[in-house]
Structure formats: C-alpha cells, structure tokens
N, C-alpha and C. Protein backbone atom coordinates (compact mmCIF):
# COMPACT_ATOMS: atom_id res chain seq x y z
N MET A 1 -10.90 24.66 -0.09
CA MET A 1 -9.73 25.36 -0.30
C MET A 1 -8.71 24.56 -1.33
N VAL A 2 -8.05 25.73 -1.71
CA VAL A 2 -7.59 25.13 -3.26
C VAL A 2 -6.10 24.69 -2.51
N ILE A 3 -5.13 23.83 -3.19
CA ILE A 3 -4.17 22.87 -2.24
C ILE A 3 -3.14 23.85 -3.05
N ALA A 4 -2.37 24.18 -1.73
CA ALA A 4 -1.47 24.79 -1.94
C ALA A 4 0.46 24.14 -2.43
N ALA A 5 0.59 24.39 -3.12
CA ALA A 5 1.78 24.06 -4.09
C ALA A 5 3.25 23.98 -3.34
N ILE A 6 4.03 22.99 -3.26
CA ILE A 6 4.91 23.52 -2.32
C ILE A 6 5.71 22.21 -3.13
N THR A 7 7.15 22.41 -2.87
CA THR A 7 8.26 21.94 -3.58
C THR A 7 8.34 20.46 -3.94
N GLU A 8 7.82 19.71 -2.63
CA GLU A 8 8.13 18.30 -2.69
C GLU A 8 6.62 17.61 -2.21
N PRO A 9 6.20 16.91 -2.49
CA PRO A 9 4.54 16.44 -2.54
C PRO A 9 4.52 15.57 -0.69
N PHE A 10 5.56 15.07 -0.18
CA PHE A 10 5.89 13.81 0.81
C PHE A 10 4.77 14.89 2.35
N SER A 11 5.36 16.14 2.64
CA SER A 11 4.89 16.82 3.62
C SER A 11 3.56 16.75 3.35
N LEU A 12 3.19 17.22 2.33
CA LEU A 12 1.69 17.51 1.87
C LEU A 12 1.45 15.83 2.31
N PHE A 13 1.11 15.19 2.19
CA PHE A 13 0.95 13.63 1.93
C PHE A 13 0.86 13.56 3.43
N GLN A 14 1.64 13.91 4.07
CA GLN A 14 1.76 13.20 5.73
C GLN A 14 0.51 14.19 6.31
N THR A 15 0.50 15.50 6.03
CA THR A 15 -0.35 16.32 6.41
C THR A 15 -1.94 15.95 6.39
N TRP A 16 -1.98 15.67 4.66
CA TRP A 16 -3.36 14.77 4.45
C TRP A 16 -3.42 13.75 5.22
N LEU A 17 -2.57 12.50 5.36
CA LEU A 17 -2.32 11.27 6.38
C LEU A 17 -3.14 11.66 7.77
N ALA A 18 -2.51 12.67 8.44
CA ALA A 18 -2.68 12.85 9.72
C ALA A 18 -4.24 13.34 10.22
N GLU A 19 -4.82 14.16 9.07
CA GLU A 19 -5.41 14.75 9.06
C GLU A 19 -7.17 13.81 9.07
N ALA A 20 -6.83 12.85 8.21
CA ALA A 20 -7.36 11.08 7.96
C ALA A 20 -7.37 10.69 9.22
N GLU A 21 -5.97 10.41 9.85
CA GLU A 21 -5.95 9.75 10.94
C GLU A 21 -6.95 10.41 12.28
N ALA A 22 -6.92 11.59 12.23
CA ALA A 22 -7.57 12.31 13.17
C ALA A 22 -9.36 12.16 13.17
N ARG A 23 -9.74 12.03 11.30
CA ARG A 23 -11.20 12.09 11.14
C ARG A 23 -11.95 10.95 10.68
N GLU A 24 -11.05 10.11 9.74
CA GLU A 24 -11.46 9.24 9.27
C GLU A 24 -11.93 7.96 10.71
N PRO A 25 -13.27 7.41 10.43
CA PRO A 25 -13.12 6.22 11.79
C PRO A 25 -12.50 4.91 11.35
N ASN A 26 -12.24 4.16 10.47
CA ASN A 26 -11.65 2.99 10.23
C ASN A 26 -10.58 2.87 8.96
N ASP A 27 -9.31 2.67 9.41
CA ASP A 27 -8.22 2.11 8.44
C ASP A 27 -8.01 3.35 7.61
N PRO A 28 -7.68 4.61 8.23
CA PRO A 28 -7.04 5.60 7.21
C PRO A 28 -5.88 5.85 6.59
N ASN A 29 -5.26 4.55 6.92
CA ASN A 29 -4.34 3.98 6.03
C ASN A 29 -4.30 3.28 5.08
N ALA A 30 -5.62 2.65 4.44
CA ALA A 30 -5.97 1.89 3.62
C ALA A 30 -6.16 2.39 2.20
N MET A 31 -5.29 1.84 1.20
CA MET A 31 -5.51 2.35 0.04
C MET A 31 -5.54 1.30 -1.14
N ALA A 32 -6.43 1.56 -2.19
CA ALA A 32 -6.73 0.42 -3.30
C ALA A 32 -5.24 0.51 -4.06
N LEU A 33 -4.35 -0.58 -4.01
CA LEU A 33 -3.22 -1.24 -5.12
C LEU A 33 -3.57 -2.09 -6.27
N ALA A 34 -3.42 -1.19 -7.46
CA ALA A 34 -3.57 -1.55 -8.60
C ALA A 34 -2.27 -2.40 -9.26
N THR A 35 -2.34 -3.66 -9.58
CA THR A 35 -1.21 -4.34 -10.20
C THR A 35 -1.73 -4.77 -11.58
N ALA A 36 -0.62 -5.43 -12.82
CA ALA A 36 -0.93 -5.61 -13.37
C ALA A 36 -0.30 -7.14 -14.02
N THR A 37 -0.63 -8.14 -14.76
CA THR A 37 0.29 -9.06 -15.15
C THR A 37 1.43 -8.32 -16.15
N SER A 38 2.06 -9.78 -16.18
CA SER A 38 2.95 -9.11 -17.35
C SER A 38 2.55 -8.69 -18.92
N GLN A 39 1.63 -9.48 -19.30
CA GLN A 39 0.48 -9.06 -20.14
C GLN A 39 -0.31 -7.85 -20.13
N GLY A 40 -0.30 -7.21 -18.72
CA GLY A 40 -0.71 -5.99 -19.01
C GLY A 40 -2.41 -6.14 -18.07
N VAL A 41 -2.64 -7.34 -17.81
CA VAL A 41 -3.62 -7.54 -17.76
C VAL A 41 -4.10 -6.87 -15.90
N PRO A 42 -4.95 -5.93 -15.70
CA PRO A 42 -4.83 -5.20 -14.24
C PRO A 42 -5.82 -5.91 -13.14
N SER A 43 -5.59 -5.88 -12.13
CA SER A 43 -6.35 -6.04 -10.75
C SER A 43 -6.13 -4.75 -9.47
N VAL A 44 -7.10 -4.95 -9.30
CA VAL A 44 -6.83 -3.93 -7.58
C VAL A 44 -7.71 -4.59 -6.56
N ARG A 45 -6.86 -3.96 -5.21
CA ARG A 45 -7.61 -4.67 -3.93
C ARG A 45 -6.84 -3.50 -3.30
N MET A 46 -7.45 -3.68 -1.86
CA MET A 46 -7.51 -2.74 -0.50
C MET A 46 -6.55 -3.43 0.30
N VAL A 47 -5.32 -2.57 0.60
CA VAL A 47 -4.43 -3.04 1.42
C VAL A 47 -4.27 -1.89 2.27
N LEU A 48 -3.25 -1.91 3.50
CA LEU A 48 -2.98 -0.99 4.25
C LEU A 48 -1.55 -0.45 4.23
N LEU A 49 -1.35 1.29 4.18
CA LEU A 49 0.29 1.45 4.10
C LEU A 49 0.35 1.34 5.07
N LYS A 50 2.02 0.63 5.12
CA LYS A 50 2.70 0.51 6.75
C LYS A 50 3.73 1.47 7.08
N GLY A 51 4.10 2.09 5.95
CA GLY A 51 5.27 2.98 5.78
C GLY A 51 5.78 4.20 4.69
N ALA A 52 5.48 5.35 5.32
CA ALA A 52 5.55 6.57 4.45
C ALA A 52 6.49 7.57 4.38
N ASP A 53 7.46 8.11 3.62
CA ASP A 53 8.67 8.84 3.80
C ASP A 53 8.99 9.38 2.02
N SER A 54 10.21 10.00 1.91
CA SER A 54 10.72 10.35 0.84
C SER A 54 11.21 9.46 -0.09
N ARG A 55 11.67 8.07 0.43
CA ARG A 55 11.70 7.10 -0.05
C ARG A 55 10.56 6.20 -1.18
N GLY A 56 9.30 6.41 -0.60
CA GLY A 56 7.94 6.23 -1.10
C GLY A 56 7.22 5.35 0.11
N PHE A 57 6.14 4.70 -0.34
CA PHE A 57 5.03 3.92 0.16
C PHE A 57 5.12 2.17 0.37
N VAL A 58 5.02 2.04 1.46
CA VAL A 58 5.41 0.55 2.07
C VAL A 58 4.40 -0.19 2.47
N PHE A 59 4.19 -1.55 1.66
CA PHE A 59 3.05 -2.25 1.81
C PHE A 59 3.42 -3.90 2.19
N TYR A 60 2.73 -4.71 2.96
CA TYR A 60 3.38 -5.80 3.17
C TYR A 60 2.34 -6.95 2.33
N THR A 61 2.84 -8.05 2.20
CA THR A 61 1.85 -9.00 1.32
C THR A 61 2.85 -10.44 1.66
N ASN A 62 1.93 -11.37 0.83
CA ASN A 62 2.51 -12.42 0.89
C ASN A 62 2.74 -12.74 -0.64
N PHE A 63 4.18 -12.96 -0.97
CA PHE A 63 4.70 -12.57 -2.17
C PHE A 63 3.71 -14.51 -3.21
N GLU A 64 3.56 -15.27 -2.70
CA GLU A 64 2.60 -15.94 -3.65
C GLU A 64 1.15 -15.40 -3.80
N SER A 65 1.02 -14.46 -3.37
CA SER A 65 -0.11 -14.03 -3.46
C SER A 65 -0.70 -13.77 -5.07
N ARG A 66 -1.64 -13.61 -5.44
CA ARG A 66 -1.61 -12.66 -6.77
C ARG A 66 -1.09 -11.72 -6.65
N LYS A 67 -1.50 -10.26 -6.32
CA LYS A 67 -0.77 -9.15 -6.12
C LYS A 67 1.17 -9.60 -6.30
N GLY A 68 1.55 -10.26 -5.23
CA GLY A 68 2.71 -10.30 -5.18
C GLY A 68 3.73 -11.25 -6.56
N GLN A 69 2.75 -12.04 -6.79
CA GLN A 69 3.42 -12.34 -8.49
C GLN A 69 3.10 -11.45 -9.40
N GLU A 70 2.29 -10.83 -9.02
CA GLU A 70 1.84 -9.67 -10.44
C GLU A 70 3.13 -8.80 -10.49
N LEU A 71 3.35 -8.37 -8.41
CA LEU A 71 4.52 -7.31 -8.69
C LEU A 71 5.89 -7.85 -8.97
N GLN A 72 6.40 -8.78 -8.74
CA GLN A 72 7.02 -9.43 -9.24
C GLN A 72 7.82 -9.87 -10.82
N ALA A 73 6.72 -10.12 -11.12
CA ALA A 73 6.47 -10.24 -12.61
C ALA A 73 6.60 -9.08 -13.45
N ASN A 74 5.91 -7.77 -13.22
CA ASN A 74 5.72 -6.32 -13.67
C ASN A 74 6.12 -5.32 -12.41
N PRO A 75 6.98 -5.16 -12.32
CA PRO A 75 7.47 -4.28 -10.98
C PRO A 75 6.98 -3.00 -11.20
N ALA A 76 5.63 -2.56 -11.32
CA ALA A 76 4.71 -1.02 -11.18
C ALA A 76 3.59 -1.55 -10.56
N ALA A 77 3.60 -0.01 -9.96
CA ALA A 77 1.81 -0.01 -9.14
C ALA A 77 1.24 0.89 -8.95
N ALA A 78 0.09 1.09 -8.82
CA ALA A 78 -0.63 2.67 -8.21
C ALA A 78 -1.15 2.27 -7.37
N LEU A 79 -1.39 3.57 -6.48
CA LEU A 79 -1.88 3.27 -5.74
C LEU A 79 -3.35 4.21 -5.41
N CYS A 80 -4.37 4.32 -4.50
CA CYS A 80 -5.42 5.41 -4.59
C CYS A 80 -6.00 5.22 -3.16
N PHE A 81 -5.53 6.50 -2.41
CA PHE A 81 -6.17 7.02 -1.00
C PHE A 81 -7.43 7.61 -0.96
N HIS A 82 -8.34 7.20 -0.37
CA HIS A 82 -9.71 7.86 -0.91
C HIS A 82 -10.19 8.06 0.53
N TRP A 83 -10.13 9.40 1.08
CA TRP A 83 -10.84 10.07 2.60
C TRP A 83 -11.95 10.63 2.25
N LYS A 84 -13.08 9.73 2.14
CA LYS A 84 -14.36 10.34 1.52
C LYS A 84 -14.97 11.29 2.79
N SER A 85 -14.83 11.25 4.14
CA SER A 85 -15.02 12.45 4.99
C SER A 85 -14.67 13.63 4.80
N LEU A 86 -13.20 13.82 4.05
CA LEU A 86 -12.41 14.71 4.06
C LEU A 86 -12.45 15.14 2.65
N ARG A 87 -13.52 14.32 1.33
CA ARG A 87 -13.97 14.82 0.50
C ARG A 87 -12.28 14.79 -0.29
N ARG A 88 -11.41 13.82 -0.21
CA ARG A 88 -10.27 14.18 -0.75
C ARG A 88 -9.42 12.44 -1.33
N GLN A 89 -8.96 12.44 -2.23
CA GLN A 89 -7.65 11.42 -2.59
C GLN A 89 -6.70 11.94 -3.20
N ILE A 90 -5.30 10.96 -3.23
CA ILE A 90 -4.08 10.93 -3.49
C ILE A 90 -3.98 9.62 -4.34
N ARG A 91 -3.48 10.06 -5.57
CA ARG A 91 -3.32 9.13 -6.26
C ARG A 91 -1.67 8.93 -6.60
N VAL A 92 -1.54 7.91 -6.82
CA VAL A 92 0.43 7.64 -6.64
C VAL A 92 0.68 6.57 -7.59
N GLU A 93 1.77 6.77 -8.64
CA GLU A 93 2.18 5.89 -9.80
C GLU A 93 4.00 5.55 -9.41
N GLY A 94 4.30 4.26 -9.58
CA GLY A 94 5.42 4.36 -9.75
C GLY A 94 6.23 2.62 -9.60
N PRO A 95 7.41 2.60 -10.04
CA PRO A 95 7.87 1.28 -9.53
C PRO A 95 7.81 0.80 -8.18
N VAL A 96 8.29 -0.81 -8.46
CA VAL A 96 8.11 -1.26 -6.88
C VAL A 96 9.53 -1.72 -7.08
N GLN A 97 9.68 -2.10 -5.85
CA GLN A 97 11.06 -3.07 -5.14
C GLN A 97 10.78 -3.85 -3.86
N SER A 98 11.23 -4.57 -3.65
CA SER A 98 11.51 -5.83 -2.36
C SER A 98 11.76 -4.74 -1.22
N VAL A 99 11.19 -4.52 -0.16
CA VAL A 99 11.81 -3.84 1.30
C VAL A 99 13.16 -4.85 1.61
N THR A 100 13.99 -4.28 2.48
CA THR A 100 15.20 -5.39 3.10
C THR A 100 14.38 -6.48 3.91
N ALA A 101 15.47 -7.40 3.98
CA ALA A 101 15.14 -8.43 4.83
C ALA A 101 14.61 -7.72 6.37
N GLU A 102 15.60 -6.49 6.77
CA GLU A 102 15.52 -6.01 8.17
C GLU A 102 14.05 -5.53 8.44
N GLU A 103 14.06 -4.59 7.20
CA GLU A 103 12.74 -4.04 7.42
C GLU A 103 11.40 -4.84 7.96
N ALA A 104 11.26 -6.03 6.89
CA ALA A 104 10.18 -6.87 6.52
C ALA A 104 10.50 -7.48 8.25
N ASP A 105 11.65 -8.42 8.94
CA ASP A 105 11.57 -8.31 9.97
C ASP A 105 10.62 -7.60 11.21
N THR A 106 11.17 -6.29 11.06
CA THR A 106 10.94 -5.24 11.94
C THR A 106 9.38 -5.25 12.31
N TYR A 107 8.32 -5.04 10.64
CA TYR A 107 7.29 -4.69 10.57
C TYR A 107 6.74 -6.26 11.29
N PHE A 108 7.18 -7.55 10.50
CA PHE A 108 6.45 -8.31 10.77
C PHE A 108 6.16 -8.98 12.40
N PHE A 109 7.92 -8.69 13.73
CA PHE A 109 7.82 -9.10 14.55
C PHE A 109 6.49 -8.22 15.50
N SER A 110 6.51 -6.72 14.83
CA SER A 110 5.74 -5.54 15.25
C SER A 110 4.12 -6.19 15.72
N ARG A 111 3.90 -7.09 14.36
CA ARG A 111 2.41 -7.79 14.57
C ARG A 111 1.72 -8.73 15.48
N PRO A 112 0.33 -8.55 15.59
CA PRO A 112 -0.11 -9.79 17.01
C PRO A 112 -0.14 -10.91 16.43
N ARG A 113 0.18 -11.97 17.42
CA ARG A 113 0.72 -13.32 17.33
C ARG A 113 -0.15 -14.12 16.19
N GLY A 114 -1.54 -13.78 16.60
CA GLY A 114 -2.36 -14.55 16.06
C GLY A 114 -2.15 -13.99 13.97
N SER A 115 -1.78 -12.77 13.45
CA SER A 115 -1.51 -12.30 12.35
C SER A 115 -0.58 -13.02 12.04
N ARG A 116 0.63 -13.30 12.95
CA ARG A 116 1.77 -13.76 11.88
C ARG A 116 1.59 -15.10 11.96
N VAL A 117 0.86 -15.56 12.90
CA VAL A 117 0.14 -17.35 12.65
C VAL A 117 -0.19 -17.19 11.08
N GLY A 118 -1.22 -16.46 11.27
CA GLY A 118 -2.16 -16.27 9.95
C GLY A 118 -1.33 -16.12 8.50
N ALA A 119 -0.09 -15.66 8.32
CA ALA A 119 0.96 -15.53 7.34
C ALA A 119 1.32 -16.94 7.07
N TRP A 120 1.57 -17.90 7.89
CA TRP A 120 1.98 -19.30 7.67
C TRP A 120 0.67 -20.33 7.40
N ALA A 121 -0.49 -19.89 7.93
CA ALA A 121 -1.65 -20.41 7.71
C ALA A 121 -2.51 -20.06 6.26
N SER A 122 -2.14 -18.94 5.67
CA SER A 122 -2.56 -18.98 4.88
C SER A 122 -2.43 -19.12 3.34
N GLN A 123 -2.73 -19.81 2.57
CA GLN A 123 -1.95 -20.20 1.25
C GLN A 123 -2.43 -19.25 0.47
N GLN A 124 -2.08 -17.53 0.47
CA GLN A 124 -3.19 -16.70 0.20
C GLN A 124 -3.40 -16.21 -1.82
N SER A 125 -4.74 -15.93 -1.80
CA SER A 125 -5.20 -16.07 -2.98
C SER A 125 -5.53 -17.61 -3.81
N ARG A 126 -4.91 -19.10 -3.30
CA ARG A 126 -5.13 -20.30 -3.91
C ARG A 126 -6.65 -20.81 -3.20
N PRO A 127 -7.33 -21.41 -3.98
CA PRO A 127 -8.51 -22.19 -3.44
C PRO A 127 -8.77 -22.62 -1.94
N LEU A 128 -9.74 -22.35 -1.43
CA LEU A 128 -9.86 -22.79 0.07
C LEU A 128 -11.33 -24.17 -0.04
N THR A 129 -11.19 -25.29 0.37
CA THR A 129 -12.06 -26.20 0.56
C THR A 129 -13.17 -25.67 1.06
N ASP A 130 -13.24 -25.27 2.76
CA ASP A 130 -13.68 -25.13 3.48
C ASP A 130 -13.01 -24.14 4.58
N ARG A 131 -13.89 -23.40 5.43
CA ARG A 131 -12.87 -22.36 6.71
C ARG A 131 -12.35 -23.44 7.46
N THR A 132 -13.01 -24.99 7.64
CA THR A 132 -12.21 -26.09 8.89
C THR A 132 -10.83 -26.18 8.12
N GLU A 133 -10.45 -25.90 6.62
CA GLU A 133 -9.26 -26.49 6.30
C GLU A 133 -8.09 -25.64 6.82
N LEU A 134 -8.41 -24.35 6.76
CA LEU A 134 -7.52 -23.23 6.70
C LEU A 134 -7.81 -23.37 8.45
N GLU A 135 -8.79 -23.59 9.65
CA GLU A 135 -8.66 -23.36 10.71
C GLU A 135 -7.64 -24.75 11.05
N GLY A 136 -7.71 -25.16 10.47
CA GLY A 136 -6.88 -26.90 10.79
C GLY A 136 -5.62 -26.33 10.63
N ARG A 137 -5.12 -25.52 9.60
CA ARG A 137 -3.61 -24.79 9.61
C ARG A 137 -3.07 -24.22 10.36
N VAL A 138 -3.93 -23.09 11.25
CA VAL A 138 -3.97 -22.34 11.99
C VAL A 138 -3.22 -23.36 12.97
N ALA A 139 -4.63 -23.91 13.65
CA ALA A 139 -4.18 -25.20 14.45
C ALA A 139 -2.76 -26.10 14.70
N GLU A 140 -2.39 -26.42 13.49
CA GLU A 140 -0.94 -26.53 13.00
C GLU A 140 0.20 -25.86 13.52
N ILE A 141 0.08 -24.60 12.70
CA ILE A 141 1.08 -23.20 13.15
C ILE A 141 1.10 -22.98 14.29
N GLU A 142 0.09 -22.82 15.31
CA GLU A 142 0.35 -22.34 16.91
C GLU A 142 1.04 -23.81 17.67
N GLN A 143 0.96 -24.43 16.97
CA GLN A 143 1.70 -25.80 17.59
C GLN A 143 3.02 -26.22 17.37
N ARG A 144 3.06 -25.95 16.02
CA ARG A 144 4.33 -25.79 15.35
C ARG A 144 5.54 -24.61 16.37
N TYR A 145 4.76 -23.64 16.25
CA TYR A 145 5.40 -22.54 16.79
C TYR A 145 5.03 -21.58 17.90
N PRO A 146 5.07 -22.49 19.51
CA PRO A 146 4.26 -21.98 20.53
C PRO A 146 4.79 -21.12 21.56
N GLN A 147 6.04 -20.73 21.18
CA GLN A 147 6.45 -19.20 21.50
C GLN A 147 6.77 -18.20 20.07
N ASP A 148 7.88 -18.01 19.82
CA ASP A 148 7.87 -17.07 18.82
C ASP A 148 7.56 -17.22 17.29
N VAL A 149 7.13 -17.03 16.34
CA VAL A 149 6.34 -17.55 15.13
C VAL A 149 7.42 -16.65 14.29
N PRO A 150 8.03 -17.11 13.33
CA PRO A 150 9.18 -16.50 12.39
C PRO A 150 8.64 -16.42 11.41
N ARG A 151 9.15 -14.53 11.07
CA ARG A 151 8.84 -14.76 9.38
C ARG A 151 9.23 -15.53 8.26
N PRO A 152 7.97 -16.15 7.67
CA PRO A 152 8.00 -17.00 6.09
C PRO A 152 8.88 -16.36 5.65
N PRO A 153 9.84 -17.64 4.86
CA PRO A 153 10.19 -16.79 3.83
C PRO A 153 9.53 -16.39 2.62
N TYR A 154 8.17 -16.35 2.14
CA TYR A 154 7.70 -15.85 1.10
C TYR A 154 6.69 -14.90 1.67
N TRP A 155 6.64 -13.95 2.52
CA TRP A 155 6.16 -13.20 3.28
C TRP A 155 7.06 -11.66 3.32
N SER A 156 6.74 -10.63 2.75
CA SER A 156 7.77 -9.40 2.73
C SER A 156 7.06 -8.24 2.58
N GLY A 157 7.50 -6.93 2.08
CA GLY A 157 7.27 -5.94 1.70
C GLY A 157 7.54 -5.54 -0.01
N PHE A 158 6.60 -5.08 -0.18
CA PHE A 158 7.22 -3.84 -1.26
C PHE A 158 7.28 -2.34 -0.92
N ARG A 159 7.92 -1.85 -1.63
CA ARG A 159 7.92 -0.22 -1.49
C ARG A 159 8.24 0.25 -2.77
N LEU A 160 6.49 1.31 -2.72
CA LEU A 160 6.54 2.14 -4.18
C LEU A 160 6.98 3.17 -4.30
N THR A 161 8.13 3.27 -5.12
CA THR A 161 9.10 4.84 -5.39
C THR A 161 8.12 5.41 -6.41
N PRO A 162 7.29 6.79 -5.94
CA PRO A 162 6.56 7.41 -6.62
C PRO A 162 7.03 8.22 -7.87
N LEU A 163 6.61 7.79 -8.68
CA LEU A 163 7.29 8.91 -10.00
C LEU A 163 6.10 10.32 -10.59
N VAL A 164 4.91 10.29 -9.89
CA VAL A 164 3.40 10.81 -10.20
C VAL A 164 3.00 10.39 -8.99
N ILE A 165 2.57 11.85 -8.18
CA ILE A 165 1.55 11.93 -7.19
C ILE A 165 0.50 12.79 -7.31
N GLU A 166 -0.98 12.80 -7.17
CA GLU A 166 -1.56 13.53 -7.51
C GLU A 166 -2.48 13.68 -6.49
N PHE A 167 -3.15 15.25 -5.97
CA PHE A 167 -3.80 15.45 -4.85
C PHE A 167 -4.97 16.20 -5.34
N TRP A 168 -6.08 15.51 -4.96
CA TRP A 168 -7.66 15.40 -5.44
C TRP A 168 -8.31 16.56 -3.82
N GLN A 169 -8.92 17.49 -4.39
CA GLN A 169 -9.56 17.88 -3.46
C GLN A 169 -10.93 18.30 -3.72
N ASP A 170 -11.70 17.79 -3.20
CA ASP A 170 -13.64 18.21 -3.58
C ASP A 170 -14.03 19.40 -3.60
N MET A 171 -14.57 20.30 -4.83
CA MET A 171 -14.65 21.39 -4.75
C MET A 171 -16.27 21.73 -5.04
N PRO A 172 -16.75 23.22 -5.26
CA PRO A 172 -17.94 22.97 -5.47
C PRO A 172 -18.27 23.14 -6.86
N SER A 173 -19.60 22.82 -7.18
CA SER A 173 -20.12 22.81 -8.65
C SER A 173 -19.08 21.76 -9.62
N ARG A 174 -18.79 20.61 -8.84
CA ARG A 174 -17.54 19.76 -9.22
C ARG A 174 -16.03 20.70 -10.02
N LEU A 175 -15.95 21.58 -9.97
CA LEU A 175 -14.73 22.50 -10.38
C LEU A 175 -13.54 22.14 -8.97
N HIS A 176 -13.59 20.63 -8.77
CA HIS A 176 -12.33 19.98 -8.30
C HIS A 176 -10.86 20.68 -8.58
N ASP A 177 -10.27 20.82 -7.31
CA ASP A 177 -8.63 21.22 -7.20
C ASP A 177 -7.39 19.97 -7.66
N ARG A 178 -6.93 19.96 -8.32
CA ARG A 178 -6.06 18.33 -9.10
C ARG A 178 -4.64 18.90 -8.94
N LEU A 179 -3.94 18.50 -8.20
CA LEU A 179 -2.60 19.04 -8.23
C LEU A 179 -1.48 18.06 -7.96
N ILE A 180 -0.70 17.74 -9.45
CA ILE A 180 -0.11 16.78 -9.66
C ILE A 180 1.59 17.05 -9.52
N TYR A 181 2.20 16.10 -9.27
CA TYR A 181 3.40 16.14 -8.68
C TYR A 181 4.12 15.03 -10.01
N LYS A 182 4.92 15.90 -10.48
CA LYS A 182 5.38 15.13 -11.33
C LYS A 182 7.52 14.32 -11.21
N ARG A 183 7.80 13.36 -11.70
CA ARG A 183 9.50 13.55 -11.69
C ARG A 183 9.82 12.12 -13.01
N ASP A 184 10.59 12.54 -13.50
CA ASP A 184 10.89 10.93 -14.37
C ASP A 184 11.66 9.85 -13.41
N ARG A 185 12.56 9.81 -12.46
CA ARG A 185 13.41 9.03 -11.88
C ARG A 185 13.50 9.72 -10.56
N GLU A 186 13.72 8.62 -9.42
CA GLU A 186 13.49 8.83 -8.27
C GLU A 186 14.43 9.85 -7.68
N SER A 187 15.46 10.32 -7.89
CA SER A 187 16.52 11.34 -7.50
C SER A 187 15.94 12.77 -8.63
N ALA A 188 14.98 13.08 -9.30
CA ALA A 188 14.85 14.17 -10.02
C ALA A 188 14.12 14.79 -9.15
N PRO A 189 14.54 16.32 -9.43
CA PRO A 189 13.52 16.96 -8.83
C PRO A 189 11.78 16.78 -9.46
N TRP A 190 11.09 17.57 -8.61
CA TRP A 190 9.51 17.20 -8.81
C TRP A 190 9.37 18.74 -9.81
N THR A 191 8.65 18.12 -10.37
CA THR A 191 7.49 19.09 -11.64
C THR A 191 5.91 19.26 -10.96
N THR A 192 5.20 20.42 -10.89
CA THR A 192 4.05 20.64 -10.33
C THR A 192 2.96 21.22 -11.58
N LEU A 193 1.86 20.73 -11.68
CA LEU A 193 0.54 21.39 -12.29
C LEU A 193 -0.23 21.18 -11.88
N ARG A 194 -1.52 22.02 -12.25
CA ARG A 194 -2.47 22.03 -12.02
C ARG A 194 -3.34 21.14 -13.36
N LEU A 195 -4.43 20.46 -12.70
CA LEU A 195 -5.17 19.94 -14.17
C LEU A 195 -6.42 20.08 -13.68
N GLN A 196 -7.02 20.15 -15.40
CA GLN A 196 -8.47 20.37 -15.15
C GLN A 196 -9.97 19.64 -13.97
N PRO A 197 -10.56 19.70 -13.68
CA PRO A 197 -11.26 18.62 -13.10
C PRO A 197 -11.75 17.55 -13.72
C-alpha cells in the first residue's frame, strides 16, 4: 500500500509504531542510532526509543559512553527503525540536545531497581577485566544504596529534533514506496516529496 502523505510526520510515525508494538515480538521501539566524532568518524548501535512527540525522539544513556561523548562533541545524529515483519523502516536525521533534569529523573525512577544499580555500576564503553569486576561493582552499589538509587550525574537523555524523516514501505518488484519529510529548522513547516526506490 502506498504511504498516504499528510501535513506532518509525527502522527504517521505514531501509527506505524503502534502497529509495530502490536506485531513485533521483541523491542518494537528499538532503533539504530548513528553518531560521529568531531572529526566525522561514524559509529552505530541499537538503542531503545523512550519518548516521541512533536518535539522529537528521546533516548537515554551514560554521557561518558562512546555515544554520549560523540553526541556532546558533535550534537547531530541519525536514527533508523526497521520492522521486518511489517516490511517498513523509518529514517530520522537532526540535531540533538540533552533532555531536562526533570525528564531524566522521571524516566530513571521508572526503571527497575536493577537497571538503576547498573547505571552506577557500569563504566559504559570502557574496558572490563572480567565479569567478576562488574559483579563486584553491582554488589558495592547495592550496599551503598539499600533503598532509593539516585540518578548518576553522568546519566541522562538526548532528544533528537528531526529535520528529515523518511518513511519506507516494501513494495513488489523492489519498487518500494519512499516518502520524505524535510524542514530547515524546528519551527519551519514540513515539505514532502517521494523518492525513487
């Protein structure tokens, strides 16, 4: 089915995400996140979408991780959602900025205790001698915080404000449907066009 163009992309994104949530067996909110160093050297990894609205797409991380450092040095990124069972993907590009402390706190305290402990215990992206080293840090943090586990100062989120969103739908004979939304700044109106497959 050809993608119907509407004036803004967010409601279409929410429709596709809801369909993925109903049909994808694991992590329908998983997305590939591409970042680059200040010299332009790229890297990509899978992360989980934790919020999406007209302001953008939110994910959380350790700011001392590789992706955290790259996003602080070069605050632009790209996302790709791929739902194999639906034969669809969405690509997103734009600048990133940190979420507010209040947003980060709200999400952090919604996480299970083990995940909150893990945010303190893991020195994300740094070398690990062996698994017992990590397990020892987990035990240390559990002792340090027997009740509430506070949010680490280096753990927060980013919001990607989209300037480009492309919807891709598989079609017969590899003549796929591609609908792209573009704008030159956050407050600008969207323009749409179809791309060759």
